[in-house]
Every structure is written in C-alpha cells, then in structure tokens.
Amino acid sequence: MSELKQQFEDAVKFVQSGDGDFKPENDLKLQFYALYKQATEGDVKGKKPGLTNFVGRAKYSAWEAVKGLSADQAMQSYIDKLAKYR
C-alpha cells in the first residue's frame, strides 16, 4: 500500500471516529465527504436529488464541486484539510 493511501485511510478513520476535540461543522463534514467519494469512486454519477431531499442534494453538490480531481489529489486534499484542524 502506498504511503499516501495509508495516510488517507488513517485520516478517514480519525474523522469517522470523532475522537478527541475534533467536532467538524456540517460544511466541513460535506467537504470531507466529497473528497472521500472523489478519492474512492471518482467523479459524481447519477441524477442530482430533488429539491426536497436536502441532505442528498447537499452531498451531491459537494461531491460535484470536486469533480475532475484524481484519486491521489482528492486523498491529499483530504489529508491536508484534516491537518488544518488537528
């Protein structure tokens, strides 16, 4: 496993565990979500959820905003973003 992928997986575990004083706001959670999805699945797919599906629409829009990033770029951005808050 590459060093970048290991650092990414460690960062994901930290964010998902909610350990310590790290309690991200919803906007930051969406940014992490989008970078995670871009790193693991690539560009956003499917139709944008309807106006009444607020959560699904917010997630789709956040993921759509990072469209075009490579998996490595998305992983590095995720790691860098977390480093700002640790």
C-alpha atoms as a PDB file:
ATOM      1  CA  MET A   1       0.000   0.000   0.000  1.00  0.00           C
ATOM      2  CA  SER A   2       1.309   3.444  -0.870  1.00  0.00           C
ATOM      3  CA  GLU A   3       2.171   5.921   1.853  1.00  0.00           C
ATOM      4  CA  LEU A   4      -0.477   8.360   0.562  1.00  0.00           C
ATOM      5  CA  LYS A   5      -3.197   5.711   0.692  1.00  0.00           C
ATOM      6  CA  GLN A   6      -2.194   4.732   4.245  1.00  0.00           C
ATOM      7  CA  GLN A   7      -2.223   8.366   5.388  1.00  0.00           C
ATOM      8  CA  PHE A   8      -5.630   8.799   3.735  1.00  0.00           C
ATOM      9  CA  GLU A   9      -7.074   5.727   5.446  1.00  0.00           C
ATOM     10  CA  ASP A  10      -5.706   6.905   8.807  1.00  0.00           C
ATOM     11  CA  ALA A  11      -7.259  10.346   8.252  1.00  0.00           C
ATOM     12  CA  VAL A  12     -10.609   8.808   7.309  1.00  0.00           C
ATOM     13  CA  LYS A  13     -10.602   6.649  10.450  1.00  0.00           C
ATOM     14  CA  PHE A  14      -9.850   9.708  12.584  1.00  0.00           C
ATOM     15  CA  VAL A  15     -12.644  11.782  11.034  1.00  0.00           C
ATOM     16  CA  GLN A  16     -15.176   8.950  11.230  1.00  0.00           C
ATOM     17  CA  SER A  17     -14.330   8.049  14.821  1.00  0.00           C
ATOM     18  CA  GLY A  18     -14.969  11.544  16.174  1.00  0.00           C
ATOM     19  CA  ASP A  19     -12.103  11.142  18.639  1.00  0.00           C
ATOM     20  CA  GLY A  20     -10.888  13.990  20.784  1.00  0.00           C
ATOM     21  CA  ASP A  21     -11.974  17.567  20.407  1.00  0.00           C
ATOM     22  CA  PHE A  22     -12.458  17.315  16.648  1.00  0.00           C
ATOM     23  CA  LYS A  23     -16.128  18.076  16.049  1.00  0.00           C
ATOM     24  CA  PRO A  24     -16.467  19.407  12.490  1.00  0.00           C
ATOM     25  CA  GLU A  25     -19.389  21.583  11.435  1.00  0.00           C
ATOM     26  CA  ASN A  26     -21.717  20.311   8.714  1.00  0.00           C
ATOM     27  CA  ASP A  27     -19.950  22.297   5.981  1.00  0.00           C
ATOM     28  CA  LEU A  28     -16.618  20.682   6.829  1.00  0.00           C
ATOM     29  CA  LYS A  29     -18.254  17.251   7.022  1.00  0.00           C
ATOM     30  CA  LEU A  30     -19.573  17.790   3.489  1.00  0.00           C
ATOM     31  CA  GLN A  31     -16.101  18.717   2.275  1.00  0.00           C
ATOM     32  CA  PHE A  32     -14.638  15.547   3.793  1.00  0.00           C
ATOM     33  CA  TYR A  33     -17.498  13.510   2.311  1.00  0.00           C
ATOM     34  CA  ALA A  34     -16.919  14.947  -1.160  1.00  0.00           C
ATOM     35  CA  LEU A  35     -13.171  14.342  -1.078  1.00  0.00           C
ATOM     36  CA  TYR A  36     -13.691  10.806   0.241  1.00  0.00           C
ATOM     37  CA  LYS A  37     -16.170   9.977  -2.526  1.00  0.00           C
ATOM     38  CA  GLN A  38     -13.907  11.517  -5.179  1.00  0.00           C
ATOM     39  CA  ALA A  39     -10.910   9.551  -3.890  1.00  0.00           C
ATOM     40  CA  THR A  40     -12.759   6.240  -3.700  1.00  0.00           C
ATOM     41  CA  GLU A  41     -15.302   6.417  -6.554  1.00  0.00           C
ATOM     42  CA  GLY A  42     -14.208   9.178  -8.935  1.00  0.00           C
ATOM     43  CA  ASP A  43     -16.478  11.814 -10.434  1.00  0.00           C
ATOM     44  CA  VAL A  44     -20.053  12.125  -9.240  1.00  0.00           C
ATOM     45  CA  LYS A  45     -22.591   9.951 -11.066  1.00  0.00           C
ATOM     46  CA  GLY A  46     -26.327   9.821 -11.373  1.00  0.00           C
ATOM     47  CA  LYS A  47     -29.018  12.441 -11.175  1.00  0.00           C
ATOM     48  CA  LYS A  48     -28.945  15.258  -8.640  1.00  0.00           C
ATOM     49  CA  PRO A  49     -31.508  14.607  -5.876  1.00  0.00           C
ATOM     50  CA  GLY A  50     -34.668  16.686  -5.868  1.00  0.00           C
ATOM     51  CA  LEU A  51     -35.146  19.957  -4.015  1.00  0.00           C
ATOM     52  CA  THR A  52     -36.920  18.287  -1.106  1.00  0.00           C
ATOM     53  CA  ASN A  53     -34.011  15.903  -0.444  1.00  0.00           C
ATOM     54  CA  PHE A  54     -31.864  18.494   1.312  1.00  0.00           C
ATOM     55  CA  VAL A  55     -29.172  16.135   2.628  1.00  0.00           C
ATOM     56  CA  GLY A  56     -28.829  14.157  -0.592  1.00  0.00           C
ATOM     57  CA  ARG A  57     -28.702  17.349  -2.637  1.00  0.00           C
ATOM     58  CA  ALA A  58     -26.037  18.893  -0.377  1.00  0.00           C
ATOM     59  CA  LYS A  59     -23.900  15.741  -0.608  1.00  0.00           C
ATOM     60  CA  TYR A  60     -24.274  15.584  -4.379  1.00  0.00           C
ATOM     61  CA  SER A  61     -23.383  19.277  -4.775  1.00  0.00           C
ATOM     62  CA  ALA A  62     -20.322  18.954  -2.541  1.00  0.00           C
ATOM     63  CA  TRP A  63     -19.088  15.939  -4.495  1.00  0.00           C
ATOM     64  CA  GLU A  64     -19.834  17.677  -7.793  1.00  0.00           C
ATOM     65  CA  ALA A  65     -17.666  20.621  -6.663  1.00  0.00           C
ATOM     66  CA  VAL A  66     -14.538  18.419  -6.624  1.00  0.00           C
ATOM     67  CA  LYS A  67     -15.260  16.802  -9.987  1.00  0.00           C
ATOM     68  CA  GLY A  68     -12.113  16.233 -12.024  1.00  0.00           C
ATOM     69  CA  LEU A  69      -9.709  15.683  -9.128  1.00  0.00           C
ATOM     70  CA  SER A  70      -7.700  12.489  -9.424  1.00  0.00           C
ATOM     71  CA  ALA A  71      -7.908   9.944  -6.621  1.00  0.00           C
ATOM     72  CA  ASP A  72      -4.442  10.954  -5.405  1.00  0.00           C
ATOM     73  CA  GLN A  73      -5.322  14.665  -5.454  1.00  0.00           C
ATOM     74  CA  ALA A  74      -8.529  14.028  -3.525  1.00  0.00           C
ATOM     75  CA  MET A  75      -6.691  11.896  -0.943  1.00  0.00           C
ATOM     76  CA  GLN A  76      -4.026  14.562  -0.475  1.00  0.00           C
ATOM     77  CA  SER A  77      -6.661  17.304  -0.159  1.00  0.00           C
ATOM     78  CA  TYR A  78      -8.486  15.249   2.491  1.00  0.00           C
ATOM     79  CA  ILE A  79      -5.250  14.797   4.458  1.00  0.00           C
ATOM     80  CA  ASP A  80      -4.304  18.460   4.114  1.00  0.00           C
ATOM     81  CA  LYS A  81      -7.758  19.654   5.168  1.00  0.00           C
ATOM     82  CA  LEU A  82      -7.645  17.498   8.298  1.00  0.00           C
ATOM     83  CA  ALA A  83      -4.136  18.755   9.125  1.00  0.00           C
ATOM     84  CA  LYS A  84      -5.509  22.316   9.350  1.00  0.00           C
ATOM     85  CA  TYR A  85      -7.875  21.271  12.147  1.00  0.00           C
ATOM     86  CA  ARG A  86      -5.692  18.916  14.158  1.00  0.00           C
END
